[in-house]
Amino acid sequence: MNATASAQAHERIRLTGTPIGCQVRIADFGDDIDPLQREQLHAYGLSAPHTVTVLQQQPMTVVLCDHVELALEHDVARHVWVETGH
């Protein structure tokens, strides 16, 4: 696989832009996320390289992480970067 295909295979997008039903891997948090929120997300299991499934995007982002549904406000979820196509 060439470098372009490899990059496309692991495209990074915001969690808020992930379609419902997609399974994605947590890649990173944006630099603008509040440090306390980052800690809380880690405590809930939302950290690289955990895999989550997006269940809902409105009115909040809801993901399934380790058999637990987590609801995130969009102001938080937009700071979560995920990788698709893993």
PDB file of N, CA and C in Angstrom:
ATOM      1  N   MET A   1       0.857  -1.172   0.000  1.00  0.00           N
ATOM      2  CA  MET A   1       0.000   0.000   0.000  1.00  0.00           C
ATOM      3  C   MET A   1       0.899   1.230   0.000  1.00  0.00           C
ATOM      4  N   ASN A   2       0.597   2.189  -0.842  1.00  0.00           N
ATOM      5  CA  ASN A   2       1.417   3.394  -0.899  1.00  0.00           C
ATOM      6  C   ASN A   2       1.029   4.359   0.223  1.00  0.00           C
ATOM      7  N   ALA A   3       1.815   5.428   0.373  1.00  0.00           N
ATOM      8  CA  ALA A   3       1.601   6.371   1.483  1.00  0.00           C
ATOM      9  C   ALA A   3       0.239   7.047   1.413  1.00  0.00           C
ATOM     10  N   THR A   4      -0.227   7.365   0.203  1.00  0.00           N
ATOM     11  CA  THR A   4      -1.528   8.017   0.056  1.00  0.00           C
ATOM     12  C   THR A   4      -2.651   7.089   0.490  1.00  0.00           C
ATOM     13  N   ALA A   5      -2.593   5.841   0.073  1.00  0.00           N
ATOM     14  CA  ALA A   5      -3.617   4.869   0.458  1.00  0.00           C
ATOM     15  C   ALA A   5      -3.589   4.630   1.958  1.00  0.00           C
ATOM     16  N   SER A   6      -2.389   4.600   2.538  1.00  0.00           N
ATOM     17  CA  SER A   6      -2.263   4.400   3.977  1.00  0.00           C
ATOM     18  C   SER A   6      -2.875   5.569   4.738  1.00  0.00           C
ATOM     19  N   ALA A   7      -2.629   6.790   4.273  1.00  0.00           N
ATOM     20  CA  ALA A   7      -3.189   7.971   4.931  1.00  0.00           C
ATOM     21  C   ALA A   7      -4.704   7.969   4.838  1.00  0.00           C
ATOM     22  N   GLN A   8      -5.251   7.566   3.695  1.00  0.00           N
ATOM     23  CA  GLN A   8      -6.695   7.524   3.534  1.00  0.00           C
ATOM     24  C   GLN A   8      -7.307   6.418   4.379  1.00  0.00           C
ATOM     25  N   ALA A   9      -6.572   5.335   4.595  1.00  0.00           N
ATOM     26  CA  ALA A   9      -7.083   4.219   5.378  1.00  0.00           C
ATOM     27  C   ALA A   9      -7.279   4.616   6.840  1.00  0.00           C
ATOM     28  N   HIS A  10      -6.552   5.616   7.292  1.00  0.00           N
ATOM     29  CA  HIS A  10      -6.645   6.061   8.680  1.00  0.00           C
ATOM     30  C   HIS A  10      -6.918   7.559   8.738  1.00  0.00           C
ATOM     31  N   GLU A  11      -7.958   7.986   8.069  1.00  0.00           N
ATOM     32  CA  GLU A  11      -8.320   9.404   8.037  1.00  0.00           C
ATOM     33  C   GLU A  11      -8.743   9.871   9.424  1.00  0.00           C
ATOM     34  N   ARG A  12      -8.254  11.034   9.835  1.00  0.00           N
ATOM     35  CA  ARG A  12      -8.640  11.625  11.121  1.00  0.00           C
ATOM     36  C   ARG A  12      -9.764  12.618  10.909  1.00  0.00           C
ATOM     37  N   ILE A  13     -10.810  12.460  11.705  1.00  0.00           N
ATOM     38  CA  ILE A  13     -11.935  13.385  11.669  1.00  0.00           C
ATOM     39  C   ILE A  13     -12.363  13.670  13.108  1.00  0.00           C
ATOM     40  N   ARG A  14     -13.153  14.720  13.271  1.00  0.00           N
ATOM     41  CA  ARG A  14     -13.694  15.020  14.603  1.00  0.00           C
ATOM     42  C   ARG A  14     -14.785  14.000  14.941  1.00  0.00           C
ATOM     43  N   LEU A  15     -14.909  13.691  16.205  1.00  0.00           N
ATOM     44  CA  LEU A  15     -15.960  12.772  16.636  1.00  0.00           C
ATOM     45  C   LEU A  15     -17.331  13.302  16.239  1.00  0.00           C
ATOM     46  N   THR A  16     -17.517  14.615  16.282  1.00  0.00           N
ATOM     47  CA  THR A  16     -18.808  15.202  15.916  1.00  0.00           C
ATOM     48  C   THR A  16     -19.125  15.033  14.435  1.00  0.00           C
ATOM     49  N   GLY A  17     -18.127  14.758  13.612  1.00  0.00           N
ATOM     50  CA  GLY A  17     -18.342  14.564  12.182  1.00  0.00           C
ATOM     51  C   GLY A  17     -18.427  13.112  11.773  1.00  0.00           C
ATOM     52  N   THR A  18     -18.427  12.214  12.729  1.00  0.00           N
ATOM     53  CA  THR A  18     -18.459  10.782  12.451  1.00  0.00           C
ATOM     54  C   THR A  18     -19.897  10.321  12.249  1.00  0.00           C
ATOM     55  N   PRO A  19     -20.177   9.650  11.137  1.00  0.00           N
ATOM     56  CA  PRO A  19     -21.543   9.176  10.894  1.00  0.00           C
ATOM     57  C   PRO A  19     -22.009   8.159  11.939  1.00  0.00           C
ATOM     58  N   ILE A  20     -23.292   8.166  12.195  1.00  0.00           N
ATOM     59  CA  ILE A  20     -23.909   7.218  13.128  1.00  0.00           C
ATOM     60  C   ILE A  20     -23.667   5.799  12.623  1.00  0.00           C
ATOM     61  N   GLY A  21     -23.322   4.910  13.540  1.00  0.00           N
ATOM     62  CA  GLY A  21     -23.084   3.514  13.207  1.00  0.00           C
ATOM     63  C   GLY A  21     -21.634   3.179  12.916  1.00  0.00           C
ATOM     64  N   CYS A  22     -20.799   4.190  12.748  1.00  0.00           N
ATOM     65  CA  CYS A  22     -19.384   3.955  12.443  1.00  0.00           C
ATOM     66  C   CYS A  22     -18.617   3.562  13.698  1.00  0.00           C
ATOM     67  N   GLN A  23     -17.711   2.618  13.506  1.00  0.00           N
ATOM     68  CA  GLN A  23     -16.790   2.245  14.568  1.00  0.00           C
ATOM     69  C   GLN A  23     -15.458   2.924  14.253  1.00  0.00           C
ATOM     70  N   VAL A  24     -14.942   3.680  15.203  1.00  0.00           N
ATOM     71  CA  VAL A  24     -13.719   4.451  14.998  1.00  0.00           C
ATOM     72  C   VAL A  24     -12.791   4.276  16.197  1.00  0.00           C
ATOM     73  N   ARG A  25     -11.543   4.625  15.978  1.00  0.00           N
ATOM     74  CA  ARG A  25     -10.553   4.543  17.049  1.00  0.00           C
ATOM     75  C   ARG A  25     -10.230   5.959  17.530  1.00  0.00           C
ATOM     76  N   ILE A  26     -10.213   6.140  18.842  1.00  0.00           N
ATOM     77  CA  ILE A  26      -9.827   7.432  19.404  1.00  0.00           C
ATOM     78  C   ILE A  26      -8.366   7.675  19.034  1.00  0.00           C
ATOM     79  N   ALA A  27      -8.089   8.852  18.445  1.00  0.00           N
ATOM     80  CA  ALA A  27      -6.728   9.170  18.014  1.00  0.00           C
ATOM     81  C   ALA A  27      -6.055  10.163  18.955  1.00  0.00           C
ATOM     82  N   ASP A  28      -6.767  11.217  19.300  1.00  0.00           N
ATOM     83  CA  ASP A  28      -6.151  12.289  20.080  1.00  0.00           C
ATOM     84  C   ASP A  28      -7.228  13.275  20.520  1.00  0.00           C
ATOM     85  N   PHE A  29      -6.829  14.203  21.362  1.00  0.00           N
ATOM     86  CA  PHE A  29      -7.692  15.306  21.758  1.00  0.00           C
ATOM     87  C   PHE A  29      -7.101  16.594  21.213  1.00  0.00           C
ATOM     88  N   GLY A  30      -7.964  17.515  20.821  1.00  0.00           N
ATOM     89  CA  GLY A  30      -7.499  18.810  20.342  1.00  0.00           C
ATOM     90  C   GLY A  30      -6.818  19.593  21.455  1.00  0.00           C
ATOM     91  N   ASP A  31      -5.950  20.507  21.067  1.00  0.00           N
ATOM     92  CA  ASP A  31      -5.200  21.307  22.043  1.00  0.00           C
ATOM     93  C   ASP A  31      -6.090  22.219  22.878  1.00  0.00           C
ATOM     94  N   ASP A  32      -7.268  22.554  22.374  1.00  0.00           N
ATOM     95  CA  ASP A  32      -8.146  23.502  23.064  1.00  0.00           C
ATOM     96  C   ASP A  32      -9.057  22.863  24.106  1.00  0.00           C
ATOM     97  N   ILE A  33      -8.980  21.548  24.284  1.00  0.00           N
ATOM     98  CA  ILE A  33      -9.858  20.896  25.257  1.00  0.00           C
ATOM     99  C   ILE A  33      -9.404  21.249  26.676  1.00  0.00           C
ATOM    100  N   ASP A  34     -10.367  21.447  27.541  1.00  0.00           N
ATOM    101  CA  ASP A  34     -10.085  21.746  28.940  1.00  0.00           C
ATOM    102  C   ASP A  34      -9.367  20.544  29.571  1.00  0.00           C
ATOM    103  N   PRO A  35      -8.282  20.768  30.310  1.00  0.00           N
ATOM    104  CA  PRO A  35      -7.545  19.657  30.924  1.00  0.00           C
ATOM    105  C   PRO A  35      -8.414  18.781  31.828  1.00  0.00           C
ATOM    106  N   LEU A  36      -9.370  19.375  32.533  1.00  0.00           N
ATOM    107  CA  LEU A  36     -10.268  18.593  33.386  1.00  0.00           C
ATOM    108  C   LEU A  36     -11.156  17.684  32.535  1.00  0.00           C
ATOM    109  N   GLN A  37     -11.649  18.206  31.416  1.00  0.00           N
ATOM    110  CA  GLN A  37     -12.459  17.381  30.520  1.00  0.00           C
ATOM    111  C   GLN A  37     -11.630  16.232  29.953  1.00  0.00           C
ATOM    112  N   ARG A  38     -10.379  16.506  29.611  1.00  0.00           N
ATOM    113  CA  ARG A  38      -9.482  15.461  29.102  1.00  0.00           C
ATOM    114  C   ARG A  38      -9.343  14.339  30.136  1.00  0.00           C
ATOM    115  N   GLU A  39      -9.131  14.714  31.399  1.00  0.00           N
ATOM    116  CA  GLU A  39      -9.012  13.730  32.475  1.00  0.00           C
ATOM    117  C   GLU A  39     -10.284  12.906  32.611  1.00  0.00           C
ATOM    118  N   GLN A  40     -11.434  13.580  32.558  1.00  0.00           N
ATOM    119  CA  GLN A  40     -12.708  12.877  32.689  1.00  0.00           C
ATOM    120  C   GLN A  40     -12.910  11.890  31.545  1.00  0.00           C
ATOM    121  N   LEU A  41     -12.565  12.295  30.330  1.00  0.00           N
ATOM    122  CA  LEU A  41     -12.711  11.401  29.180  1.00  0.00           C
ATOM    123  C   LEU A  41     -11.806  10.184  29.327  1.00  0.00           C
ATOM    124  N   HIS A  42     -10.587  10.400  29.790  1.00  0.00           N
ATOM    125  CA  HIS A  42      -9.684   9.270  30.032  1.00  0.00           C
ATOM    126  C   HIS A  42     -10.279   8.323  31.072  1.00  0.00           C
ATOM    127  N   ALA A  43     -10.866   8.877  32.128  1.00  0.00           N
ATOM    128  CA  ALA A  43     -11.459   8.055  33.187  1.00  0.00           C
ATOM    129  C   ALA A  43     -12.604   7.195  32.663  1.00  0.00           C
ATOM    130  N   TYR A  44     -13.324   7.699  31.655  1.00  0.00           N
ATOM    131  CA  TYR A  44     -14.423   6.942  31.056  1.00  0.00           C
ATOM    132  C   TYR A  44     -13.949   5.962  29.988  1.00  0.00           C
ATOM    133  N   GLY A  45     -12.657   5.930  29.710  1.00  0.00           N
ATOM    134  CA  GLY A  45     -12.132   5.006  28.709  1.00  0.00           C
ATOM    135  C   GLY A  45     -11.974   5.607  27.331  1.00  0.00           C
ATOM    136  N   LEU A  46     -12.249   6.898  27.188  1.00  0.00           N
ATOM    137  CA  LEU A  46     -12.081   7.553  25.891  1.00  0.00           C
ATOM    138  C   LEU A  46     -10.653   8.061  25.772  1.00  0.00           C
ATOM    139  N   SER A  47      -9.785   7.185  25.327  1.00  0.00           N
ATOM    140  CA  SER A  47      -8.389   7.551  25.119  1.00  0.00           C
ATOM    141  C   SER A  47      -7.839   6.667  24.017  1.00  0.00           C
ATOM    142  N   ALA A  48      -6.787   7.145  23.384  1.00  0.00           N
ATOM    143  CA  ALA A  48      -6.160   6.374  22.306  1.00  0.00           C
ATOM    144  C   ALA A  48      -5.580   5.093  22.895  1.00  0.00           C
ATOM    145  N   PRO A  49      -5.686   3.989  22.226  1.00  0.00           N
ATOM    146  CA  PRO A  49      -6.317   3.719  20.935  1.00  0.00           C
ATOM    147  C   PRO A  49      -7.659   3.002  21.068  1.00  0.00           C
ATOM    148  N   HIS A  50      -8.460   3.314  22.081  1.00  0.00           N
ATOM    149  CA  HIS A  50      -9.751   2.646  22.267  1.00  0.00           C
ATOM    150  C   HIS A  50     -10.660   2.830  21.048  1.00  0.00           C
ATOM    151  N   THR A  51     -11.448   1.807  20.794  1.00  0.00           N
ATOM    152  CA  THR A  51     -12.420   1.838  19.707  1.00  0.00           C
ATOM    153  C   THR A  51     -13.797   2.142  20.284  1.00  0.00           C
ATOM    154  N   VAL A  52     -14.532   3.017  19.605  1.00  0.00           N
ATOM    155  CA  VAL A  52     -15.891   3.364  20.015  1.00  0.00           C
ATOM    156  C   VAL A  52     -16.811   3.263  18.805  1.00  0.00           C
ATOM    157  N   THR A  53     -18.090   3.085  19.065  1.00  0.00           N
ATOM    158  CA  THR A  53     -19.106   3.091  18.016  1.00  0.00           C
ATOM    159  C   THR A  53     -20.010   4.290  18.249  1.00  0.00           C
ATOM    160  N   VAL A  54     -20.218   5.076  17.206  1.00  0.00           N
ATOM    161  CA  VAL A  54     -21.075   6.263  17.315  1.00  0.00           C
ATOM    162  C   VAL A  54     -22.531   5.815  17.206  1.00  0.00           C
ATOM    163  N   LEU A  55     -23.317   6.102  18.236  1.00  0.00           N
ATOM    164  CA  LEU A  55     -24.722   5.695  18.279  1.00  0.00           C
ATOM    165  C   LEU A  55     -25.674   6.827  17.916  1.00  0.00           C
ATOM    166  N   GLN A  56     -25.244   8.062  18.146  1.00  0.00           N
ATOM    167  CA  GLN A  56     -26.146   9.208  17.970  1.00  0.00           C
ATOM    168  C   GLN A  56     -25.299  10.474  17.857  1.00  0.00           C
ATOM    169  N   GLN A  57     -25.815  11.460  17.104  1.00  0.00           N
ATOM    170  CA  GLN A  57     -25.127  12.750  17.011  1.00  0.00           C
ATOM    171  C   GLN A  57     -26.006  13.924  17.460  1.00  0.00           C
ATOM    172  N   GLN A  58     -27.299  13.719  17.586  1.00  0.00           N
ATOM    173  CA  GLN A  58     -28.209  14.792  17.996  1.00  0.00           C
ATOM    174  C   GLN A  58     -29.130  14.282  19.093  1.00  0.00           C
ATOM    175  N   PRO A  59     -29.431  15.022  20.112  1.00  0.00           N
ATOM    176  CA  PRO A  59     -28.945  16.367  20.396  1.00  0.00           C
ATOM    177  C   PRO A  59     -27.531  16.378  20.978  1.00  0.00           C
ATOM    178  N   MET A  60     -27.010  15.201  21.322  1.00  0.00           N
ATOM    179  CA  MET A  60     -25.642  15.072  21.818  1.00  0.00           C
ATOM    180  C   MET A  60     -24.970  13.947  21.059  1.00  0.00           C
ATOM    181  N   THR A  61     -23.641  13.882  21.153  1.00  0.00           N
ATOM    182  CA  THR A  61     -22.906  12.759  20.586  1.00  0.00           C
ATOM    183  C   THR A  61     -22.923  11.642  21.616  1.00  0.00           C
ATOM    184  N   VAL A  62     -23.397  10.467  21.208  1.00  0.00           N
ATOM    185  CA  VAL A  62     -23.432   9.309  22.095  1.00  0.00           C
ATOM    186  C   VAL A  62     -22.585   8.218  21.462  1.00  0.00           C
ATOM    187  N   VAL A  63     -21.653   7.669  22.254  1.00  0.00           N
ATOM    188  CA  VAL A  63     -20.787   6.601  21.767  1.00  0.00           C
ATOM    189  C   VAL A  63     -20.889   5.401  22.694  1.00  0.00           C
ATOM    190  N   LEU A  64     -20.602   4.241  22.131  1.00  0.00           N
ATOM    191  CA  LEU A  64     -20.516   3.009  22.908  1.00  0.00           C
ATOM    192  C   LEU A  64     -19.040   2.712  23.094  1.00  0.00           C
ATOM    193  N   CYS A  65     -18.601   2.685  24.344  1.00  0.00           N
ATOM    194  CA  CYS A  65     -17.192   2.465  24.676  1.00  0.00           C
ATOM    195  C   CYS A  65     -17.126   1.390  25.753  1.00  0.00           C
ATOM    196  N   ASP A  66     -16.545   0.248  25.420  1.00  0.00           N
ATOM    197  CA  ASP A  66     -16.439  -0.858  26.382  1.00  0.00           C
ATOM    198  C   ASP A  66     -17.791  -1.210  27.000  1.00  0.00           C
ATOM    199  N   HIS A  67     -18.814  -1.365  26.187  1.00  0.00           N
ATOM    200  CA  HIS A  67     -20.164  -1.762  26.596  1.00  0.00           C
ATOM    201  C   HIS A  67     -20.888  -0.706  27.430  1.00  0.00           C
ATOM    202  N   VAL A  68     -20.393   0.528  27.423  1.00  0.00           N
ATOM    203  CA  VAL A  68     -21.019   1.620  28.164  1.00  0.00           C
ATOM    204  C   VAL A  68     -21.340   2.746  27.185  1.00  0.00           C
ATOM    205  N   GLU A  69     -22.568   3.262  27.251  1.00  0.00           N
ATOM    206  CA  GLU A  69     -22.946   4.399  26.414  1.00  0.00           C
ATOM    207  C   GLU A  69     -22.549   5.688  27.120  1.00  0.00           C
ATOM    208  N   LEU A  70     -21.819   6.529  26.398  1.00  0.00           N
ATOM    209  CA  LEU A  70     -21.388   7.816  26.933  1.00  0.00           C
ATOM    210  C   LEU A  70     -21.965   8.931  26.080  1.00  0.00           C
ATOM    211  N   ALA A  71     -22.597   9.911  26.714  1.00  0.00           N
ATOM    212  CA  ALA A  71     -23.152  11.068  26.008  1.00  0.00           C
ATOM    213  C   ALA A  71     -22.221  12.251  26.221  1.00  0.00           C
ATOM    214  N   LEU A  72     -21.839  12.878  25.111  1.00  0.00           N
ATOM    215  CA  LEU A  72     -20.927  14.015  25.164  1.00  0.00           C
ATOM    216  C   LEU A  72     -21.581  15.231  24.527  1.00  0.00           C
ATOM    217  N   GLU A  73     -21.486  16.369  25.187  1.00  0.00           N
ATOM    218  CA  GLU A  73     -21.952  17.603  24.571  1.00  0.00           C
ATOM    219  C   GLU A  73     -21.058  17.894  23.375  1.00  0.00           C
ATOM    220  N   HIS A  74     -21.611  18.541  22.368  1.00  0.00           N
ATOM    221  CA  HIS A  74     -20.831  18.832  21.163  1.00  0.00           C
ATOM    222  C   HIS A  74     -19.618  19.704  21.465  1.00  0.00           C
ATOM    223  N   ASP A  75     -19.710  20.571  22.480  1.00  0.00           N
ATOM    224  CA  ASP A  75     -18.569  21.408  22.856  1.00  0.00           C
ATOM    225  C   ASP A  75     -17.385  20.575  23.337  1.00  0.00           C
ATOM    226  N   VAL A  76     -17.648  19.373  23.819  1.00  0.00           N
ATOM    227  CA  VAL A  76     -16.584  18.459  24.237  1.00  0.00           C
ATOM    228  C   VAL A  76     -16.209  17.532  23.077  1.00  0.00           C
ATOM    229  N   ALA A  77     -17.211  16.938  22.438  1.00  0.00           N
ATOM    230  CA  ALA A  77     -16.968  15.946  21.387  1.00  0.00           C
ATOM    231  C   ALA A  77     -16.187  16.513  20.205  1.00  0.00           C
ATOM    232  N   ARG A  78     -16.315  17.813  19.951  1.00  0.00           N
ATOM    233  CA  ARG A  78     -15.602  18.388  18.801  1.00  0.00           C
ATOM    234  C   ARG A  78     -14.093  18.429  19.020  1.00  0.00           C
ATOM    235  N   HIS A  79     -13.656  18.252  20.257  1.00  0.00           N
ATOM    236  CA  HIS A  79     -12.224  18.222  20.561  1.00  0.00           C
ATOM    237  C   HIS A  79     -11.642  16.812  20.494  1.00  0.00           C
ATOM    238  N   VAL A  80     -12.484  15.823  20.225  1.00  0.00           N
ATOM    239  CA  VAL A  80     -12.027  14.437  20.150  1.00  0.00           C
ATOM    240  C   VAL A  80     -11.797  14.082  18.685  1.00  0.00           C
ATOM    241  N   TRP A  81     -10.574  13.680  18.358  1.00  0.00           N
ATOM    242  CA  TRP A  81     -10.223  13.274  16.996  1.00  0.00           C
ATOM    243  C   TRP A  81     -10.189  11.758  16.937  1.00  0.00           C
ATOM    244  N   VAL A  82     -10.775  11.217  15.885  1.00  0.00           N
ATOM    245  CA  VAL A  82     -10.846   9.766  15.717  1.00  0.00           C
ATOM    246  C   VAL A  82     -10.277   9.376  14.357  1.00  0.00           C
ATOM    247  N   GLU A  83      -9.918   8.104  14.235  1.00  0.00           N
ATOM    248  CA  GLU A  83      -9.433   7.559  12.972  1.00  0.00           C
ATOM    249  C   GLU A  83     -10.456   6.578  12.440  1.00  0.00           C
ATOM    250  N   THR A  84     -10.738   6.710  11.164  1.00  0.00           N
ATOM    251  CA  THR A  84     -11.662   5.797  10.493  1.00  0.00           C
ATOM    252  C   THR A  84     -10.865   4.769   9.709  1.00  0.00           C
ATOM    253  N   GLY A  85     -11.536   3.708   9.312  1.00  0.00           N
ATOM    254  CA  GLY A  85     -10.926   2.727   8.428  1.00  0.00           C
ATOM    255  C   GLY A  85      -9.829   1.898   9.030  1.00  0.00           C
ATOM    256  N   HIS A  86      -9.943   1.555  10.295  1.00  0.00           N
ATOM    257  CA  HIS A  86      -8.901   0.743  10.920  1.00  0.00           C
ATOM    258  C   HIS A  86      -9.142  -0.715  10.792  1.00  0.00           C
TER     259      HIS A  86
END
